[in-house]
Amino acid sequence: MPALLPQRRPDLFRSRRRIERAGHYSFWVRGRHGHLPRNREGRAGIGAFLNGDRIKVSDASRLADALVMTGFPYNFRDDIDSILAKFRAFLCESQAVRRGGSAALDLCYVAMGRCDGFWEQNLHPWDTAAGKVILEEAGGRLSNFAGDSFSIDAKEIVASNGNIHDEMLRVLAEQL
């Protein structure tokens, strides 16, 4: 088993360090009181699972009915106006917006249907690589803010159940 990333608090997200090993990607999230780990897993070409049960994205068909999530980059003060403009736009266009804190976990929430979409900027490959496979295997869609194919080397991501993706891209385009 590959080594796990260092963890400062027991309730924080952690993932396997060797994210490219044999196309197998896994996540564990532990509760503060020692709850059993929840394993979110995706294998390219095989499917996405939560504790062995297959998962899939939600069926929300309109952004107005969707719960979307985002995160703020560590250097948010450098681009605060742009970040808040996007946040405000999604507050007005969607049912609700939540800020999770872990891009990898937020991608898993979209894959599990707990939320319908996610966007964030200033990311790194370790933030998105495993979540990308899990979301794609669960039937989701990913792109950059321009709508081009997503690469883990991209600094920005839009992820959705697929149904609301174009609406999310429209909201972001209006803020650029």
C-alpha atoms as a PDB file:
ATOM      1  CA  MET A   1       0.000   0.000   0.000  1.00  0.00           C
ATOM      2  CA  PRO A   2       1.423   3.422  -0.956  1.00  0.00           C
ATOM      3  CA  ALA A   3       2.237   5.862   1.813  1.00  0.00           C
ATOM      4  CA  LEU A   4      -0.505   8.297   2.804  1.00  0.00           C
ATOM      5  CA  LEU A   5      -0.010  12.036   2.731  1.00  0.00           C
ATOM      6  CA  PRO A   6       0.754  13.627   6.111  1.00  0.00           C
ATOM      7  CA  GLN A   7      -2.305  14.590   8.082  1.00  0.00           C
ATOM      8  CA  ARG A   8      -2.465  17.317  10.707  1.00  0.00           C
ATOM      9  CA  ARG A   9      -5.994  16.738  11.967  1.00  0.00           C
ATOM     10  CA  PRO A  10      -7.823  13.397  11.980  1.00  0.00           C
ATOM     11  CA  ASP A  11     -10.914  14.851  10.287  1.00  0.00           C
ATOM     12  CA  LEU A  12      -9.115  16.216   7.219  1.00  0.00           C
ATOM     13  CA  PHE A  13      -9.062  14.623   3.798  1.00  0.00           C
ATOM     14  CA  ARG A  14      -6.155  12.440   2.805  1.00  0.00           C
ATOM     15  CA  SER A  15      -5.474  10.457  -0.315  1.00  0.00           C
ATOM     16  CA  ARG A  16      -2.974   7.983  -1.672  1.00  0.00           C
ATOM     17  CA  ARG A  17       0.276   9.554  -2.758  1.00  0.00           C
ATOM     18  CA  ARG A  18       0.795   7.424  -5.883  1.00  0.00           C
ATOM     19  CA  ILE A  19      -2.299   8.546  -7.691  1.00  0.00           C
ATOM     20  CA  GLU A  20      -1.289   7.098 -11.062  1.00  0.00           C
ATOM     21  CA  ARG A  21      -0.578   3.555  -9.924  1.00  0.00           C
ATOM     22  CA  ALA A  22      -2.414   1.107 -12.198  1.00  0.00           C
ATOM     23  CA  GLY A  23      -5.272   3.580 -12.780  1.00  0.00           C
ATOM     24  CA  HIS A  24      -6.508   3.044  -9.210  1.00  0.00           C
ATOM     25  CA  TYR A  25      -7.537   6.093  -7.203  1.00  0.00           C
ATOM     26  CA  SER A  26      -8.843   6.042  -3.630  1.00  0.00           C
ATOM     27  CA  PHE A  27      -9.836   8.514  -0.922  1.00  0.00           C
ATOM     28  CA  TRP A  28     -10.398   8.163   2.798  1.00  0.00           C
ATOM     29  CA  VAL A  29     -12.190  10.645   5.014  1.00  0.00           C
ATOM     30  CA  ARG A  30     -12.056   9.950   8.739  1.00  0.00           C
ATOM     31  CA  GLY A  31     -14.380  11.510  11.293  1.00  0.00           C
ATOM     32  CA  ARG A  32     -13.094  13.335  14.359  1.00  0.00           C
ATOM     33  CA  HIS A  33     -14.165  10.554  16.681  1.00  0.00           C
ATOM     34  CA  GLY A  34     -12.574   7.620  14.897  1.00  0.00           C
ATOM     35  CA  HIS A  35     -15.494   6.714  12.627  1.00  0.00           C
ATOM     36  CA  LEU A  36     -14.828   4.009  10.078  1.00  0.00           C
ATOM     37  CA  PRO A  37     -13.208   5.398   6.953  1.00  0.00           C
ATOM     38  CA  ARG A  38     -15.363   6.036   3.904  1.00  0.00           C
ATOM     39  CA  ASN A  39     -13.540   4.847   0.810  1.00  0.00           C
ATOM     40  CA  ARG A  40     -14.342   6.647  -2.428  1.00  0.00           C
ATOM     41  CA  GLU A  41     -12.769   4.771  -5.264  1.00  0.00           C
ATOM     42  CA  GLY A  42     -12.576   5.051  -9.017  1.00  0.00           C
ATOM     43  CA  ARG A  43     -10.882   2.782 -11.509  1.00  0.00           C
ATOM     44  CA  ALA A  44     -10.543   3.943 -15.081  1.00  0.00           C
ATOM     45  CA  GLY A  45     -12.919   1.930 -17.252  1.00  0.00           C
ATOM     46  CA  ILE A  46     -14.433   0.033 -14.304  1.00  0.00           C
ATOM     47  CA  GLY A  47     -16.581   2.526 -12.372  1.00  0.00           C
ATOM     48  CA  ALA A  48     -16.822   4.695  -9.270  1.00  0.00           C
ATOM     49  CA  PHE A  49     -17.669   3.319  -5.839  1.00  0.00           C
ATOM     50  CA  LEU A  50     -18.313   4.372  -2.242  1.00  0.00           C
ATOM     51  CA  ASN A  51     -17.457   1.568   0.165  1.00  0.00           C
ATOM     52  CA  GLY A  52     -17.998  -0.938  -2.642  1.00  0.00           C
ATOM     53  CA  ASP A  53     -21.366   0.471  -3.818  1.00  0.00           C
ATOM     54  CA  ARG A  54     -21.512   2.040  -7.277  1.00  0.00           C
ATOM     55  CA  ILE A  55     -22.070   5.807  -7.287  1.00  0.00           C
ATOM     56  CA  LYS A  56     -23.413   8.165  -9.955  1.00  0.00           C
ATOM     57  CA  VAL A  57     -23.943  11.866 -10.449  1.00  0.00           C
ATOM     58  CA  SER A  58     -27.249  13.613  -9.714  1.00  0.00           C
ATOM     59  CA  ASP A  59     -29.932  14.186 -12.306  1.00  0.00           C
ATOM     60  CA  ALA A  60     -30.461  17.926 -11.663  1.00  0.00           C
ATOM     61  CA  SER A  61     -31.244  19.411 -15.043  1.00  0.00           C
ATOM     62  CA  ARG A  62     -31.139  23.168 -14.349  1.00  0.00           C
ATOM     63  CA  LEU A  63     -28.582  25.320 -12.569  1.00  0.00           C
ATOM     64  CA  ALA A  64     -31.453  27.106 -10.800  1.00  0.00           C
ATOM     65  CA  ASP A  65     -32.249  23.813  -9.040  1.00  0.00           C
ATOM     66  CA  ALA A  66     -28.629  22.839  -8.372  1.00  0.00           C
ATOM     67  CA  LEU A  67     -26.377  22.869  -5.331  1.00  0.00           C
ATOM     68  CA  VAL A  68     -22.883  23.891  -6.432  1.00  0.00           C
ATOM     69  CA  MET A  69     -19.611  23.953  -4.520  1.00  0.00           C
ATOM     70  CA  THR A  70     -16.405  25.910  -4.781  1.00  0.00           C
ATOM     71  CA  GLY A  71     -13.158  26.523  -2.998  1.00  0.00           C
ATOM     72  CA  PHE A  72     -10.988  29.566  -2.561  1.00  0.00           C
ATOM     73  CA  PRO A  73      -7.281  29.411  -3.417  1.00  0.00           C
ATOM     74  CA  TYR A  74      -4.714  30.069  -0.698  1.00  0.00           C
ATOM     75  CA  ASN A  75      -3.703  33.280  -2.437  1.00  0.00           C
ATOM     76  CA  PHE A  76      -7.313  34.504  -2.738  1.00  0.00           C
ATOM     77  CA  ARG A  77      -6.331  38.035  -1.683  1.00  0.00           C
ATOM     78  CA  ASP A  78      -4.420  38.430  -4.969  1.00  0.00           C
ATOM     79  CA  ASP A  79      -7.620  38.050  -7.013  1.00  0.00           C
ATOM     80  CA  ILE A  80     -10.391  38.682  -4.483  1.00  0.00           C
ATOM     81  CA  ASP A  81     -12.642  40.735  -6.788  1.00  0.00           C
ATOM     82  CA  SER A  82     -12.725  38.073  -9.515  1.00  0.00           C
ATOM     83  CA  ILE A  83     -13.263  35.236  -7.036  1.00  0.00           C
ATOM     84  CA  LEU A  84     -16.118  37.020  -5.256  1.00  0.00           C
ATOM     85  CA  ALA A  85     -17.720  37.995  -8.569  1.00  0.00           C
ATOM     86  CA  LYS A  86     -17.894  34.323  -9.563  1.00  0.00           C
ATOM     87  CA  PHE A  87     -19.181  33.350  -6.117  1.00  0.00           C
ATOM     88  CA  ARG A  88     -21.861  36.068  -6.249  1.00  0.00           C
ATOM     89  CA  ALA A  89     -22.931  35.056  -9.757  1.00  0.00           C
ATOM     90  CA  PHE A  90     -23.419  31.428  -8.711  1.00  0.00           C
ATOM     91  CA  LEU A  91     -25.315  32.541  -5.591  1.00  0.00           C
ATOM     92  CA  CYS A  92     -27.749  34.337  -7.878  1.00  0.00           C
ATOM     93  CA  GLU A  93     -27.990  31.626 -10.567  1.00  0.00           C
ATOM     94  CA  SER A  94     -28.085  28.404  -8.522  1.00  0.00           C
ATOM     95  CA  GLN A  95     -30.218  27.024  -5.716  1.00  0.00           C
ATOM     96  CA  ALA A  96     -27.309  27.289  -3.260  1.00  0.00           C
ATOM     97  CA  VAL A  97     -23.507  27.464  -3.021  1.00  0.00           C
ATOM     98  CA  ARG A  98     -21.289  25.687  -0.500  1.00  0.00           C
ATOM     99  CA  ARG A  99     -17.569  25.994   0.129  1.00  0.00           C
ATOM    100  CA  GLY A 100     -16.007  22.687   1.043  1.00  0.00           C
ATOM    101  CA  GLY A 101     -12.262  23.168   1.341  1.00  0.00           C
ATOM    102  CA  SER A 102     -10.905  20.123  -0.522  1.00  0.00           C
ATOM    103  CA  ALA A 103     -11.155  20.055  -4.312  1.00  0.00           C
ATOM    104  CA  ALA A 104     -10.648  16.285  -4.352  1.00  0.00           C
ATOM    105  CA  LEU A 105     -13.476  15.724  -1.892  1.00  0.00           C
ATOM    106  CA  ASP A 106     -15.741  18.230  -3.672  1.00  0.00           C
ATOM    107  CA  LEU A 107     -15.239  16.283  -6.915  1.00  0.00           C
ATOM    108  CA  CYS A 108     -16.270  13.129  -5.058  1.00  0.00           C
ATOM    109  CA  TYR A 109     -19.403  14.886  -3.782  1.00  0.00           C
ATOM    110  CA  VAL A 110     -20.362  15.697  -7.379  1.00  0.00           C
ATOM    111  CA  ALA A 111     -19.655  12.065  -8.326  1.00  0.00           C
ATOM    112  CA  MET A 112     -21.886  10.815  -5.484  1.00  0.00           C
ATOM    113  CA  GLY A 113     -24.715  13.213  -6.327  1.00  0.00           C
ATOM    114  CA  ARG A 114     -24.416  15.091  -3.026  1.00  0.00           C
ATOM    115  CA  CYS A 115     -23.996  18.258  -5.054  1.00  0.00           C
ATOM    116  CA  ASP A 116     -24.494  18.991  -8.719  1.00  0.00           C
ATOM    117  CA  GLY A 117     -21.484  21.090  -9.724  1.00  0.00           C
ATOM    118  CA  PHE A 118     -18.128  22.472  -8.640  1.00  0.00           C
ATOM    119  CA  TRP A 119     -15.731  25.170  -9.819  1.00  0.00           C
ATOM    120  CA  GLU A 120     -12.381  26.387  -8.528  1.00  0.00           C
ATOM    121  CA  GLN A 121      -9.200  28.070  -9.719  1.00  0.00           C
ATOM    122  CA  ASN A 122      -5.477  27.992  -8.857  1.00  0.00           C
ATOM    123  CA  LEU A 123      -5.379  24.222  -8.421  1.00  0.00           C
ATOM    124  CA  HIS A 124      -2.575  21.669  -8.699  1.00  0.00           C
ATOM    125  CA  PRO A 125      -2.546  18.115 -10.117  1.00  0.00           C
ATOM    126  CA  TRP A 126      -2.739  16.546  -6.649  1.00  0.00           C
ATOM    127  CA  ASP A 127      -5.969  18.484  -6.027  1.00  0.00           C
ATOM    128  CA  THR A 128      -7.812  16.966  -8.985  1.00  0.00           C
ATOM    129  CA  ALA A 129      -6.169  13.802 -10.382  1.00  0.00           C
ATOM    130  CA  ALA A 130      -8.004  11.185  -8.344  1.00  0.00           C
ATOM    131  CA  GLY A 131     -11.305  13.099  -8.241  1.00  0.00           C
ATOM    132  CA  LYS A 132     -11.221  13.447 -12.036  1.00  0.00           C
ATOM    133  CA  VAL A 133     -11.239   9.673 -12.539  1.00  0.00           C
ATOM    134  CA  ILE A 134     -13.922   9.137  -9.906  1.00  0.00           C
ATOM    135  CA  LEU A 135     -16.202  11.820 -11.376  1.00  0.00           C
ATOM    136  CA  GLU A 136     -15.759  10.633 -14.966  1.00  0.00           C
ATOM    137  CA  GLU A 137     -16.503   7.050 -13.930  1.00  0.00           C
ATOM    138  CA  ALA A 138     -19.646   8.246 -12.112  1.00  0.00           C
ATOM    139  CA  GLY A 139     -20.907   9.917 -15.314  1.00  0.00           C
ATOM    140  CA  GLY A 140     -19.818  13.516 -14.668  1.00  0.00           C
ATOM    141  CA  ARG A 141     -18.240  16.084 -16.942  1.00  0.00           C
ATOM    142  CA  LEU A 142     -15.114  18.194 -16.419  1.00  0.00           C
ATOM    143  CA  SER A 143     -13.580  21.121 -18.281  1.00  0.00           C
ATOM    144  CA  ASN A 144     -11.634  24.294 -17.747  1.00  0.00           C
ATOM    145  CA  PHE A 145     -13.452  27.655 -17.476  1.00  0.00           C
ATOM    146  CA  ALA A 146     -13.399  28.031 -21.283  1.00  0.00           C
ATOM    147  CA  GLY A 147     -15.110  24.661 -21.762  1.00  0.00           C
ATOM    148  CA  ASP A 148     -12.016  22.921 -23.153  1.00  0.00           C
ATOM    149  CA  SER A 149     -11.083  19.388 -22.100  1.00  0.00           C
ATOM    150  CA  PHE A 150      -9.825  19.218 -18.539  1.00  0.00           C
ATOM    151  CA  SER A 151      -6.235  18.291 -17.787  1.00  0.00           C
ATOM    152  CA  ILE A 152      -4.900  17.745 -14.276  1.00  0.00           C
ATOM    153  CA  ASP A 153      -2.234  20.319 -15.126  1.00  0.00           C
ATOM    154  CA  ALA A 154      -4.920  22.986 -15.616  1.00  0.00           C
ATOM    155  CA  LYS A 155      -5.201  25.654 -12.929  1.00  0.00           C
ATOM    156  CA  GLU A 156      -9.023  25.831 -13.098  1.00  0.00           C
ATOM    157  CA  ILE A 157     -11.832  23.313 -13.148  1.00  0.00           C
ATOM    158  CA  VAL A 158     -15.537  23.132 -13.796  1.00  0.00           C
ATOM    159  CA  ALA A 159     -17.108  19.806 -12.823  1.00  0.00           C
ATOM    160  CA  SER A 160     -20.751  18.835 -13.005  1.00  0.00           C
ATOM    161  CA  ASN A 161     -23.302  16.110 -13.435  1.00  0.00           C
ATOM    162  CA  GLY A 162     -23.173  16.991 -17.145  1.00  0.00           C
ATOM    163  CA  ASN A 163     -26.692  18.443 -17.315  1.00  0.00           C
ATOM    164  CA  ILE A 164     -25.793  21.841 -15.853  1.00  0.00           C
ATOM    165  CA  HIS A 165     -22.282  22.117 -17.275  1.00  0.00           C
ATOM    166  CA  ASP A 166     -23.053  24.552 -20.087  1.00  0.00           C
ATOM    167  CA  GLU A 167     -24.976  26.813 -17.705  1.00  0.00           C
ATOM    168  CA  MET A 168     -22.013  26.823 -15.310  1.00  0.00           C
ATOM    169  CA  LEU A 169     -19.689  27.765 -18.178  1.00  0.00           C
ATOM    170  CA  ARG A 170     -22.035  30.601 -19.158  1.00  0.00           C
ATOM    171  CA  VAL A 171     -21.995  32.006 -15.602  1.00  0.00           C
ATOM    172  CA  LEU A 172     -18.191  31.873 -15.529  1.00  0.00           C
ATOM    173  CA  ALA A 173     -17.856  33.427 -18.997  1.00  0.00           C
ATOM    174  CA  GLU A 174     -19.961  36.382 -17.891  1.00  0.00           C
ATOM    175  CA  GLN A 175     -17.455  37.006 -15.070  1.00  0.00           C
ATOM    176  CA  LEU A 176     -14.277  36.943 -17.186  1.00  0.00           C
END
